[in-house]
Amino acid sequence: MAAAKKRSWRRSLSDLLGLPKEVTLDLARISITGHDHLTVENHKGILEYGPERIRIGLADGEIIIDGNDLHLTALCREEAVIHGPIRSIRFLMTA
């Protein structure tokens, strides 16, 4: 309950000050370009890595990318960039 109240307070403050929600609420920012390029910012690490599936941790769950010949072209603390034909993208939420 306290976590939900804190998140609500942060959301209100973010709206009031015009701050990006991904920064104030620890949310991931996901960009998809075409069917073969995906960027995840503010991730929590790689959970699984293979040519047909990549799982990336998020603050409140994970994102699962399925495809063929998937590969990470860039990985740093703030950003993961995936290339390859993407078949599906799923979100699993923990809360």
C-alpha atoms as a PDB file:
ATOM      1  CA  MET A   1       0.000   0.000   0.000  1.00  0.00           C
ATOM      2  CA  ALA A   2       2.796   2.423   0.894  1.00  0.00           C
ATOM      3  CA  ALA A   3       4.567   1.747  -2.417  1.00  0.00           C
ATOM      4  CA  ALA A   4       1.391   2.553  -4.371  1.00  0.00           C
ATOM      5  CA  LYS A   5       0.926   5.789  -2.417  1.00  0.00           C
ATOM      6  CA  LYS A   6       4.560   6.780  -3.029  1.00  0.00           C
ATOM      7  CA  ARG A   7       4.185   6.036  -6.747  1.00  0.00           C
ATOM      8  CA  SER A   8       0.990   8.126  -6.881  1.00  0.00           C
ATOM      9  CA  TRP A   9       2.789  11.019  -5.179  1.00  0.00           C
ATOM     10  CA  ARG A  10       5.696  10.765  -7.630  1.00  0.00           C
ATOM     11  CA  ARG A  11       3.283  10.661 -10.581  1.00  0.00           C
ATOM     12  CA  SER A  12       1.540  13.827  -9.354  1.00  0.00           C
ATOM     13  CA  LEU A  13       4.868  15.598  -8.821  1.00  0.00           C
ATOM     14  CA  SER A  14       6.058  14.520 -12.269  1.00  0.00           C
ATOM     15  CA  ASP A  15       2.882  15.905 -13.861  1.00  0.00           C
ATOM     16  CA  LEU A  16       3.098  19.157 -11.897  1.00  0.00           C
ATOM     17  CA  LEU A  17       6.746  19.821 -12.785  1.00  0.00           C
ATOM     18  CA  GLY A  18       6.549  18.437 -16.314  1.00  0.00           C
ATOM     19  CA  LEU A  19       9.289  15.884 -15.640  1.00  0.00           C
ATOM     20  CA  PRO A  20       9.586  12.693 -17.715  1.00  0.00           C
ATOM     21  CA  LYS A  21       7.732   9.839 -16.017  1.00  0.00           C
ATOM     22  CA  GLU A  22      10.436   7.314 -16.904  1.00  0.00           C
ATOM     23  CA  VAL A  23      12.860   9.261 -14.716  1.00  0.00           C
ATOM     24  CA  THR A  24      10.681  10.009 -11.695  1.00  0.00           C
ATOM     25  CA  LEU A  25       8.837   6.654 -11.650  1.00  0.00           C
ATOM     26  CA  ASP A  26      11.790   4.403 -12.646  1.00  0.00           C
ATOM     27  CA  LEU A  27       9.989   3.291 -15.807  1.00  0.00           C
ATOM     28  CA  ALA A  28      11.598   1.813 -18.888  1.00  0.00           C
ATOM     29  CA  ARG A  29      11.428   3.639 -22.183  1.00  0.00           C
ATOM     30  CA  ILE A  30      11.004   1.258 -25.111  1.00  0.00           C
ATOM     31  CA  SER A  31      11.416   2.305 -28.749  1.00  0.00           C
ATOM     32  CA  ILE A  32      10.656   0.064 -31.722  1.00  0.00           C
ATOM     33  CA  THR A  33      11.802   0.927 -35.224  1.00  0.00           C
ATOM     34  CA  GLY A  34      10.393  -1.290 -37.933  1.00  0.00           C
ATOM     35  CA  HIS A  35      10.317  -5.015 -37.212  1.00  0.00           C
ATOM     36  CA  ASP A  36      14.010  -5.483 -36.479  1.00  0.00           C
ATOM     37  CA  HIS A  37      15.227  -2.808 -34.058  1.00  0.00           C
ATOM     38  CA  LEU A  38      14.286  -2.331 -30.401  1.00  0.00           C
ATOM     39  CA  THR A  39      15.836  -0.074 -27.758  1.00  0.00           C
ATOM     40  CA  VAL A  40      15.162  -0.413 -24.019  1.00  0.00           C
ATOM     41  CA  GLU A  41      16.283   2.459 -21.813  1.00  0.00           C
ATOM     42  CA  ASN A  42      16.371   2.327 -17.999  1.00  0.00           C
ATOM     43  CA  HIS A  43      16.465  -1.482 -17.912  1.00  0.00           C
ATOM     44  CA  LYS A  44      17.537  -3.644 -14.967  1.00  0.00           C
ATOM     45  CA  GLY A  45      19.736  -6.144 -16.813  1.00  0.00           C
ATOM     46  CA  ILE A  46      19.655  -9.051 -19.228  1.00  0.00           C
ATOM     47  CA  LEU A  47      17.809 -12.077 -17.812  1.00  0.00           C
ATOM     48  CA  GLU A  48      18.121 -14.388 -20.828  1.00  0.00           C
ATOM     49  CA  TYR A  49      20.053 -14.055 -24.060  1.00  0.00           C
ATOM     50  CA  GLY A  50      19.790 -16.253 -27.121  1.00  0.00           C
ATOM     51  CA  PRO A  51      19.204 -15.970 -30.879  1.00  0.00           C
ATOM     52  CA  GLU A  52      15.463 -16.661 -30.520  1.00  0.00           C
ATOM     53  CA  ARG A  53      14.660 -14.975 -27.185  1.00  0.00           C
ATOM     54  CA  ILE A  54      15.966 -12.065 -25.145  1.00  0.00           C
ATOM     55  CA  ARG A  55      14.516 -11.253 -21.715  1.00  0.00           C
ATOM     56  CA  ILE A  56      15.272  -7.903 -20.120  1.00  0.00           C
ATOM     57  CA  GLY A  57      14.500  -6.952 -16.523  1.00  0.00           C
ATOM     58  CA  LEU A  58      12.405  -3.870 -15.812  1.00  0.00           C
ATOM     59  CA  ALA A  59      11.678  -2.160 -12.495  1.00  0.00           C
ATOM     60  CA  ASP A  60       8.230  -3.774 -12.346  1.00  0.00           C
ATOM     61  CA  GLY A  61       8.698  -6.952 -14.381  1.00  0.00           C
ATOM     62  CA  GLU A  62      10.354  -7.924 -17.630  1.00  0.00           C
ATOM     63  CA  ILE A  63      10.074  -7.627 -21.393  1.00  0.00           C
ATOM     64  CA  ILE A  64      10.421 -10.749 -23.559  1.00  0.00           C
ATOM     65  CA  ILE A  65      11.461 -10.354 -27.185  1.00  0.00           C
ATOM     66  CA  ASP A  66      11.051 -13.393 -29.451  1.00  0.00           C
ATOM     67  CA  GLY A  67      12.454 -13.545 -32.963  1.00  0.00           C
ATOM     68  CA  ASN A  68      15.084 -15.043 -35.245  1.00  0.00           C
ATOM     69  CA  ASP A  69      18.802 -14.300 -35.156  1.00  0.00           C
ATOM     70  CA  LEU A  70      18.366 -11.691 -32.389  1.00  0.00           C
ATOM     71  CA  HIS A  71      21.503 -10.024 -31.084  1.00  0.00           C
ATOM     72  CA  LEU A  72      22.471  -7.171 -28.801  1.00  0.00           C
ATOM     73  CA  THR A  73      24.278  -4.482 -30.752  1.00  0.00           C
ATOM     74  CA  ALA A  74      24.770  -2.258 -27.718  1.00  0.00           C
ATOM     75  CA  LEU A  75      24.501  -2.837 -24.000  1.00  0.00           C
ATOM     76  CA  CYS A  76      25.281  -0.400 -21.257  1.00  0.00           C
ATOM     77  CA  ARG A  77      23.885   0.427 -17.857  1.00  0.00           C
ATOM     78  CA  GLU A  78      21.197   2.713 -19.276  1.00  0.00           C
ATOM     79  CA  GLU A  79      20.366   1.136 -22.636  1.00  0.00           C
ATOM     80  CA  ALA A  80      20.073  -2.166 -24.502  1.00  0.00           C
ATOM     81  CA  VAL A  81      19.755  -2.220 -28.301  1.00  0.00           C
ATOM     82  CA  ILE A  82      18.455  -5.352 -30.036  1.00  0.00           C
ATOM     83  CA  HIS A  83      18.601  -6.105 -33.756  1.00  0.00           C
ATOM     84  CA  GLY A  84      17.092  -8.969 -35.710  1.00  0.00           C
ATOM     85  CA  PRO A  85      13.665  -9.970 -37.026  1.00  0.00           C
ATOM     86  CA  ILE A  86      11.244  -9.574 -34.082  1.00  0.00           C
ATOM     87  CA  ARG A  87       8.259 -11.954 -33.936  1.00  0.00           C
ATOM     88  CA  SER A  88       6.703 -10.809 -30.670  1.00  0.00           C
ATOM     89  CA  ILE A  89       7.162  -8.568 -27.647  1.00  0.00           C
ATOM     90  CA  ARG A  90       5.585  -9.445 -24.305  1.00  0.00           C
ATOM     91  CA  PHE A  91       5.531  -7.796 -20.912  1.00  0.00           C
ATOM     92  CA  LEU A  92       5.393  -9.705 -17.645  1.00  0.00           C
ATOM     93  CA  MET A  93       4.544  -7.524 -14.665  1.00  0.00           C
ATOM     94  CA  THR A  94       5.510  -8.531 -11.125  1.00  0.00           C
ATOM     95  CA  ALA A  95       3.169  -6.223  -9.225  1.00  0.00           C
END
